[in-house]
Amino acid sequence: MFEDVWEQSRHLVAKDRVLVVEGKLAFDEYMDACRVTAKRVLDMERARATYATRILLDWDPKAADDGFVGRLRGRLQAHLGGRCEVWVRYLGASAVAPVQLDQAWRVHPHDELLGDLRRLVGEDRVRISYRAAATD
């Protein structure tokens, strides 16, 4: 990292913390190895807010009761106003159907929301899609 990037991101760097580094990857002949020159460093919350495009929930109606839709609405409402689409993939016995919620239900994909959704539908039934970073 050059000094300006380090000064902007030093508060993010900590042991066992996952960070997203945007930069340029190149082969360094002197070191005989690949090298990344960082242009920007983001923590996971900021990276998700910047690049997440869709949250996809797998909904198995056999595992959910009649109150599922109301509970889903309640969890989403506190996080509305973002750019991240919400999709629910219905997993019926004889059909699978992805359903995109209306634009009014776009959310900010905060950690709190993702935790609530995982508790609602199951840890392995919440996925996030990301857009690629712009390249120079």
N, C-alpha and C. Protein backbone atom coordinates (compact mmCIF):
# COMPACT_ATOMS: atom_id res chain seq x y z
N MET A 1 0.85 -1.18 0.00
CA MET A 1 0.00 0.00 0.00
C MET A 1 0.88 1.23 0.00
N PHE A 2 0.48 2.17 -0.81
CA PHE A 2 1.14 3.46 -0.74
C PHE A 2 0.62 4.19 0.50
N GLU A 3 1.36 5.19 0.91
CA GLU A 3 1.05 5.85 2.17
C GLU A 3 -0.36 6.42 2.23
N ASP A 4 -0.84 7.00 1.15
CA ASP A 4 -2.17 7.61 1.17
C ASP A 4 -3.26 6.55 1.40
N VAL A 5 -3.13 5.39 0.77
CA VAL A 5 -4.09 4.30 0.97
C VAL A 5 -3.98 3.77 2.39
N TRP A 6 -2.76 3.61 2.89
CA TRP A 6 -2.56 3.13 4.25
C TRP A 6 -3.20 4.08 5.27
N GLU A 7 -3.01 5.37 5.10
CA GLU A 7 -3.57 6.34 6.04
C GLU A 7 -5.10 6.30 6.04
N GLN A 8 -5.70 6.07 4.87
CA GLN A 8 -7.16 6.01 4.77
C GLN A 8 -7.73 4.72 5.34
N SER A 9 -6.94 3.67 5.36
CA SER A 9 -7.49 2.36 5.73
C SER A 9 -6.86 1.71 6.95
N ARG A 10 -5.91 2.34 7.56
CA ARG A 10 -5.20 1.72 8.69
C ARG A 10 -6.13 1.32 9.83
N HIS A 11 -7.22 2.06 10.03
CA HIS A 11 -8.17 1.75 11.10
C HIS A 11 -8.92 0.44 10.84
N LEU A 12 -8.90 -0.04 9.60
CA LEU A 12 -9.58 -1.29 9.26
C LEU A 12 -8.73 -2.53 9.50
N VAL A 13 -7.43 -2.35 9.50
CA VAL A 13 -6.51 -3.48 9.57
C VAL A 13 -6.41 -4.01 11.00
N ALA A 14 -6.76 -5.29 11.15
CA ALA A 14 -6.68 -5.95 12.46
C ALA A 14 -6.53 -7.44 12.23
N LYS A 15 -5.95 -8.10 13.19
CA LYS A 15 -5.75 -9.55 13.10
C LYS A 15 -7.09 -10.25 12.95
N ASP A 16 -7.15 -11.22 12.04
CA ASP A 16 -8.31 -12.06 11.78
C ASP A 16 -9.52 -11.29 11.23
N ARG A 17 -9.31 -10.13 10.68
CA ARG A 17 -10.39 -9.36 10.07
C ARG A 17 -10.32 -9.52 8.56
N VAL A 18 -11.44 -9.82 7.95
CA VAL A 18 -11.49 -10.00 6.50
C VAL A 18 -11.70 -8.64 5.85
N LEU A 19 -10.86 -8.34 4.88
CA LEU A 19 -10.94 -7.08 4.15
C LEU A 19 -10.99 -7.36 2.66
N VAL A 20 -11.55 -6.43 1.93
CA VAL A 20 -11.58 -6.49 0.47
C VAL A 20 -10.62 -5.42 -0.02
N VAL A 21 -9.68 -5.84 -0.86
CA VAL A 21 -8.68 -4.92 -1.38
C VAL A 21 -8.91 -4.75 -2.88
N GLU A 22 -9.13 -3.52 -3.30
CA GLU A 22 -9.21 -3.19 -4.71
C GLU A 22 -7.84 -2.70 -5.13
N GLY A 23 -7.40 -3.17 -6.27
CA GLY A 23 -6.09 -2.72 -6.71
C GLY A 23 -5.68 -3.38 -8.00
N LYS A 24 -4.40 -3.36 -8.24
CA LYS A 24 -3.85 -3.90 -9.47
C LYS A 24 -2.94 -5.07 -9.14
N LEU A 25 -3.16 -6.18 -9.82
CA LEU A 25 -2.34 -7.37 -9.65
C LEU A 25 -1.36 -7.42 -10.80
N ALA A 26 -0.09 -7.60 -10.47
CA ALA A 26 0.94 -7.68 -11.51
C ALA A 26 2.05 -8.61 -11.02
N PHE A 27 2.78 -9.16 -11.98
CA PHE A 27 3.92 -10.00 -11.63
C PHE A 27 5.12 -9.10 -11.40
N ASP A 28 5.76 -9.28 -10.25
CA ASP A 28 6.94 -8.51 -9.89
C ASP A 28 8.16 -9.38 -10.16
N GLU A 29 8.92 -9.03 -11.19
CA GLU A 29 10.07 -9.85 -11.58
C GLU A 29 11.16 -9.82 -10.51
N TYR A 30 11.33 -8.72 -9.82
CA TYR A 30 12.35 -8.62 -8.78
C TYR A 30 12.06 -9.60 -7.64
N MET A 31 10.80 -9.67 -7.23
CA MET A 31 10.41 -10.57 -6.14
C MET A 31 10.08 -11.96 -6.66
N ASP A 32 9.93 -12.11 -7.97
CA ASP A 32 9.55 -13.38 -8.61
C ASP A 32 8.22 -13.90 -8.02
N ALA A 33 7.27 -12.97 -7.90
CA ALA A 33 5.97 -13.31 -7.33
C ALA A 33 4.95 -12.27 -7.79
N CYS A 34 3.69 -12.62 -7.60
CA CYS A 34 2.62 -11.65 -7.90
C CYS A 34 2.53 -10.64 -6.78
N ARG A 35 2.13 -9.45 -7.14
CA ARG A 35 2.04 -8.36 -6.18
C ARG A 35 0.76 -7.58 -6.44
N VAL A 36 0.08 -7.21 -5.36
CA VAL A 36 -1.12 -6.39 -5.45
C VAL A 36 -0.77 -4.99 -4.94
N THR A 37 -1.09 -4.01 -5.75
CA THR A 37 -0.95 -2.62 -5.32
C THR A 37 -2.34 -2.13 -4.98
N ALA A 38 -2.57 -1.88 -3.71
CA ALA A 38 -3.90 -1.51 -3.23
C ALA A 38 -4.24 -0.08 -3.60
N LYS A 39 -5.47 0.10 -4.10
CA LYS A 39 -6.00 1.43 -4.36
C LYS A 39 -7.06 1.80 -3.33
N ARG A 40 -7.70 0.77 -2.77
CA ARG A 40 -8.78 1.00 -1.82
C ARG A 40 -8.94 -0.25 -0.97
N VAL A 41 -9.23 -0.06 0.32
CA VAL A 41 -9.44 -1.17 1.24
C VAL A 41 -10.80 -0.97 1.90
N LEU A 42 -11.61 -2.04 1.92
CA LEU A 42 -12.95 -1.97 2.49
C LEU A 42 -13.14 -3.09 3.50
N ASP A 43 -13.88 -2.81 4.57
CA ASP A 43 -14.29 -3.91 5.44
C ASP A 43 -15.48 -4.60 4.76
N MET A 44 -15.90 -5.73 5.28
CA MET A 44 -16.94 -6.51 4.61
C MET A 44 -18.27 -5.77 4.55
N GLU A 45 -18.61 -5.05 5.59
CA GLU A 45 -19.88 -4.30 5.60
C GLU A 45 -19.89 -3.26 4.48
N ARG A 46 -18.81 -2.52 4.34
CA ARG A 46 -18.72 -1.49 3.29
C ARG A 46 -18.64 -2.12 1.90
N ALA A 47 -17.91 -3.22 1.77
CA ALA A 47 -17.82 -3.91 0.47
C ALA A 47 -19.19 -4.43 0.05
N ARG A 48 -19.92 -4.98 0.99
CA ARG A 48 -21.26 -5.49 0.69
C ARG A 48 -22.18 -4.34 0.27
N ALA A 49 -22.11 -3.22 1.00
CA ALA A 49 -22.94 -2.06 0.67
C ALA A 49 -22.60 -1.51 -0.71
N THR A 50 -21.34 -1.61 -1.09
CA THR A 50 -20.89 -1.07 -2.37
C THR A 50 -21.19 -2.01 -3.54
N TYR A 51 -21.02 -3.31 -3.35
CA TYR A 51 -21.06 -4.23 -4.48
C TYR A 51 -22.21 -5.24 -4.50
N ALA A 52 -22.94 -5.40 -3.40
CA ALA A 52 -24.04 -6.37 -3.39
C ALA A 52 -25.16 -5.90 -4.31
N THR A 53 -25.65 -6.80 -5.14
CA THR A 53 -26.74 -6.45 -6.05
C THR A 53 -28.02 -7.20 -5.72
N ARG A 54 -27.89 -8.36 -5.06
CA ARG A 54 -29.09 -9.17 -4.82
C ARG A 54 -28.87 -10.09 -3.62
N ILE A 55 -29.92 -10.20 -2.82
CA ILE A 55 -29.99 -11.22 -1.78
C ILE A 55 -31.00 -12.24 -2.27
N LEU A 56 -30.60 -13.51 -2.27
CA LEU A 56 -31.48 -14.60 -2.70
C LEU A 56 -31.76 -15.50 -1.51
N LEU A 57 -33.04 -15.66 -1.19
CA LEU A 57 -33.47 -16.53 -0.10
C LEU A 57 -34.11 -17.77 -0.68
N ASP A 58 -33.71 -18.93 -0.22
CA ASP A 58 -34.39 -20.17 -0.59
C ASP A 58 -35.48 -20.42 0.44
N TRP A 59 -36.73 -20.48 -0.03
CA TRP A 59 -37.87 -20.66 0.86
C TRP A 59 -38.50 -22.01 0.59
N ASP A 60 -38.41 -22.87 1.57
CA ASP A 60 -39.03 -24.19 1.51
C ASP A 60 -40.34 -24.10 2.31
N PRO A 61 -41.50 -24.11 1.63
CA PRO A 61 -42.77 -23.94 2.36
C PRO A 61 -43.04 -25.06 3.37
N LYS A 62 -42.39 -26.22 3.20
CA LYS A 62 -42.57 -27.30 4.18
C LYS A 62 -41.95 -26.93 5.52
N ALA A 63 -40.92 -26.10 5.48
CA ALA A 63 -40.21 -25.72 6.70
C ALA A 63 -40.71 -24.40 7.28
N ALA A 64 -41.64 -23.74 6.59
CA ALA A 64 -42.15 -22.44 7.06
C ALA A 64 -43.64 -22.55 7.34
N ASP A 65 -44.09 -21.77 8.31
CA ASP A 65 -45.51 -21.76 8.62
C ASP A 65 -46.21 -20.63 7.87
N ASP A 66 -47.48 -20.42 8.15
CA ASP A 66 -48.26 -19.41 7.46
C ASP A 66 -47.80 -17.98 7.74
N GLY A 67 -47.02 -17.77 8.78
CA GLY A 67 -46.57 -16.43 9.11
C GLY A 67 -45.26 -16.02 8.46
N PHE A 68 -44.76 -16.84 7.55
CA PHE A 68 -43.45 -16.56 6.93
C PHE A 68 -43.41 -15.19 6.25
N VAL A 69 -44.40 -14.89 5.43
CA VAL A 69 -44.39 -13.64 4.67
C VAL A 69 -44.39 -12.44 5.61
N GLY A 70 -45.17 -12.47 6.66
CA GLY A 70 -45.19 -11.38 7.62
C GLY A 70 -43.86 -11.22 8.33
N ARG A 71 -43.23 -12.32 8.72
CA ARG A 71 -41.93 -12.26 9.38
C ARG A 71 -40.86 -11.74 8.43
N LEU A 72 -40.92 -12.16 7.16
CA LEU A 72 -39.97 -11.66 6.16
C LEU A 72 -40.15 -10.14 6.00
N ARG A 73 -41.36 -9.70 5.88
CA ARG A 73 -41.66 -8.26 5.75
C ARG A 73 -41.07 -7.50 6.94
N GLY A 74 -41.29 -8.01 8.13
CA GLY A 74 -40.79 -7.35 9.33
C GLY A 74 -39.27 -7.23 9.36
N ARG A 75 -38.59 -8.25 8.90
CA ARG A 75 -37.13 -8.22 8.89
C ARG A 75 -36.59 -7.25 7.83
N LEU A 76 -37.27 -7.15 6.71
CA LEU A 76 -36.81 -6.28 5.62
C LEU A 76 -37.08 -4.80 5.90
N GLN A 77 -38.19 -4.49 6.55
CA GLN A 77 -38.63 -3.09 6.68
C GLN A 77 -37.59 -2.17 7.31
N ALA A 78 -36.86 -2.63 8.27
CA ALA A 78 -35.87 -1.77 8.92
C ALA A 78 -34.67 -1.45 8.04
N HIS A 79 -34.56 -2.14 6.92
CA HIS A 79 -33.38 -1.99 6.05
C HIS A 79 -33.73 -1.50 4.65
N LEU A 80 -34.95 -1.03 4.47
CA LEU A 80 -35.39 -0.57 3.15
C LEU A 80 -34.66 0.70 2.72
N GLY A 81 -34.68 0.94 1.41
CA GLY A 81 -34.10 2.16 0.87
C GLY A 81 -32.74 1.97 0.23
N GLY A 82 -32.27 0.73 0.17
CA GLY A 82 -30.99 0.46 -0.45
C GLY A 82 -31.12 0.14 -1.93
N ARG A 83 -30.03 -0.33 -2.51
CA ARG A 83 -30.01 -0.70 -3.93
C ARG A 83 -30.06 -2.20 -4.14
N CYS A 84 -29.98 -2.98 -3.09
CA CYS A 84 -29.87 -4.43 -3.19
C CYS A 84 -31.25 -5.07 -3.35
N GLU A 85 -31.43 -5.78 -4.47
CA GLU A 85 -32.69 -6.47 -4.72
C GLU A 85 -32.85 -7.65 -3.77
N VAL A 86 -34.09 -8.02 -3.53
CA VAL A 86 -34.38 -9.21 -2.73
C VAL A 86 -35.17 -10.17 -3.61
N TRP A 87 -34.68 -11.38 -3.69
CA TRP A 87 -35.34 -12.46 -4.44
C TRP A 87 -35.66 -13.58 -3.47
N VAL A 88 -36.80 -14.20 -3.65
CA VAL A 88 -37.18 -15.37 -2.87
C VAL A 88 -37.37 -16.51 -3.86
N ARG A 89 -36.61 -17.57 -3.67
CA ARG A 89 -36.75 -18.73 -4.54
C ARG A 89 -37.62 -19.76 -3.82
N TYR A 90 -38.83 -19.90 -4.34
CA TYR A 90 -39.80 -20.84 -3.79
C TYR A 90 -39.37 -22.26 -4.18
N LEU A 91 -39.24 -23.14 -3.20
CA LEU A 91 -38.81 -24.52 -3.42
C LEU A 91 -39.96 -25.46 -3.10
N GLY A 92 -40.94 -25.55 -3.99
CA GLY A 92 -42.09 -26.41 -3.78
C GLY A 92 -41.79 -27.85 -4.16
N ALA A 93 -42.71 -28.74 -3.82
CA ALA A 93 -42.53 -30.16 -4.12
C ALA A 93 -42.50 -30.43 -5.62
N SER A 94 -43.26 -29.67 -6.38
CA SER A 94 -43.31 -29.92 -7.82
C SER A 94 -42.84 -28.75 -8.66
N ALA A 95 -42.37 -27.68 -8.03
CA ALA A 95 -41.93 -26.51 -8.79
C ALA A 95 -40.91 -25.70 -7.99
N VAL A 96 -40.02 -25.05 -8.72
CA VAL A 96 -39.07 -24.10 -8.15
C VAL A 96 -39.25 -22.81 -8.93
N ALA A 97 -39.47 -21.71 -8.21
CA ALA A 97 -39.73 -20.45 -8.90
C ALA A 97 -39.05 -19.29 -8.19
N PRO A 98 -38.14 -18.59 -8.87
CA PRO A 98 -37.55 -17.39 -8.28
C PRO A 98 -38.52 -16.21 -8.44
N VAL A 99 -38.69 -15.44 -7.38
CA VAL A 99 -39.60 -14.29 -7.39
C VAL A 99 -38.81 -13.07 -6.91
N GLN A 100 -38.77 -12.05 -7.76
CA GLN A 100 -38.11 -10.81 -7.37
C GLN A 100 -39.12 -9.91 -6.68
N LEU A 101 -38.77 -9.43 -5.49
CA LEU A 101 -39.65 -8.50 -4.80
C LEU A 101 -39.60 -7.14 -5.50
N ASP A 102 -40.66 -6.37 -5.35
CA ASP A 102 -40.78 -5.06 -5.96
C ASP A 102 -39.62 -4.14 -5.54
N GLN A 103 -39.35 -3.13 -6.36
CA GLN A 103 -38.28 -2.17 -6.07
C GLN A 103 -38.42 -1.51 -4.71
N ALA A 104 -39.64 -1.38 -4.24
CA ALA A 104 -39.87 -0.78 -2.92
C ALA A 104 -39.25 -1.61 -1.81
N TRP A 105 -38.91 -2.87 -2.09
CA TRP A 105 -38.35 -3.78 -1.09
C TRP A 105 -36.84 -3.93 -1.23
N ARG A 106 -36.19 -3.04 -1.96
CA ARG A 106 -34.72 -3.07 -2.02
C ARG A 106 -34.16 -2.64 -0.67
N VAL A 107 -33.06 -3.26 -0.29
CA VAL A 107 -32.55 -3.09 1.07
C VAL A 107 -31.08 -2.69 1.10
N HIS A 108 -30.65 -2.27 2.28
CA HIS A 108 -29.24 -2.11 2.61
C HIS A 108 -28.82 -3.46 3.22
N PRO A 109 -27.85 -4.15 2.63
CA PRO A 109 -27.51 -5.51 3.09
C PRO A 109 -26.60 -5.55 4.32
N HIS A 110 -27.06 -4.97 5.42
CA HIS A 110 -26.28 -4.92 6.65
C HIS A 110 -26.14 -6.31 7.28
N ASP A 111 -25.12 -6.45 8.12
CA ASP A 111 -24.90 -7.70 8.85
C ASP A 111 -26.14 -8.11 9.64
N GLU A 112 -26.77 -7.13 10.28
CA GLU A 112 -27.96 -7.41 11.09
C GLU A 112 -29.07 -8.05 10.25
N LEU A 113 -29.32 -7.50 9.07
CA LEU A 113 -30.34 -8.05 8.19
C LEU A 113 -29.99 -9.47 7.76
N LEU A 114 -28.75 -9.69 7.36
CA LEU A 114 -28.35 -11.02 6.91
C LEU A 114 -28.50 -12.04 8.03
N GLY A 115 -28.15 -11.66 9.25
CA GLY A 115 -28.33 -12.55 10.39
C GLY A 115 -29.79 -12.88 10.62
N ASP A 116 -30.65 -11.86 10.54
CA ASP A 116 -32.10 -12.09 10.70
C ASP A 116 -32.63 -13.02 9.62
N LEU A 117 -32.21 -12.82 8.38
CA LEU A 117 -32.69 -13.66 7.28
C LEU A 117 -32.19 -15.10 7.43
N ARG A 118 -30.96 -15.27 7.88
CA ARG A 118 -30.43 -16.62 8.09
C ARG A 118 -31.19 -17.34 9.21
N ARG A 119 -31.57 -16.61 10.23
CA ARG A 119 -32.36 -17.23 11.30
C ARG A 119 -33.76 -17.58 10.79
N LEU A 120 -34.27 -16.81 9.85
CA LEU A 120 -35.62 -17.04 9.33
C LEU A 120 -35.67 -18.24 8.39
N VAL A 121 -34.75 -18.34 7.44
CA VAL A 121 -34.82 -19.40 6.42
C VAL A 121 -33.75 -20.48 6.56
N GLY A 122 -32.73 -20.23 7.36
CA GLY A 122 -31.65 -21.19 7.52
C GLY A 122 -30.33 -20.60 7.07
N GLU A 123 -29.28 -20.98 7.76
CA GLU A 123 -27.94 -20.43 7.52
C GLU A 123 -27.48 -20.59 6.07
N ASP A 124 -27.74 -21.74 5.48
CA ASP A 124 -27.26 -22.02 4.13
C ASP A 124 -28.26 -21.65 3.04
N ARG A 125 -29.31 -20.91 3.39
CA ARG A 125 -30.36 -20.57 2.42
C ARG A 125 -30.41 -19.08 2.10
N VAL A 126 -29.34 -18.37 2.41
CA VAL A 126 -29.23 -16.95 2.09
C VAL A 126 -27.94 -16.75 1.30
N ARG A 127 -28.07 -16.22 0.09
CA ARG A 127 -26.90 -15.97 -0.76
C ARG A 127 -26.92 -14.52 -1.22
N ILE A 128 -25.73 -14.00 -1.50
CA ILE A 128 -25.60 -12.63 -1.96
C ILE A 128 -24.87 -12.65 -3.29
N SER A 129 -25.38 -11.88 -4.25
CA SER A 129 -24.72 -11.70 -5.54
C SER A 129 -24.07 -10.33 -5.54
N TYR A 130 -22.90 -10.25 -6.16
CA TYR A 130 -22.14 -9.01 -6.21
C TYR A 130 -21.84 -8.63 -7.66
N ARG A 131 -21.74 -7.32 -7.89
CA ARG A 131 -21.29 -6.84 -9.18
C ARG A 131 -19.77 -6.77 -9.12
N ALA A 132 -19.15 -6.84 -10.28
CA ALA A 132 -17.70 -6.73 -10.34
C ALA A 132 -17.28 -5.28 -10.13
N ALA A 133 -16.12 -5.10 -9.58
CA ALA A 133 -15.57 -3.74 -9.43
C ALA A 133 -15.18 -3.21 -10.79
N ALA A 134 -15.26 -1.93 -10.95
CA ALA A 134 -14.84 -1.31 -12.21
C ALA A 134 -13.33 -1.48 -12.39
N THR A 135 -12.93 -1.75 -13.60
CA THR A 135 -11.50 -1.89 -13.87
C THR A 135 -10.99 -0.69 -14.63
N ASP A 136 -9.75 -0.37 -14.42
CA ASP A 136 -9.14 0.79 -15.12
C ASP A 136 -8.65 0.38 -16.48
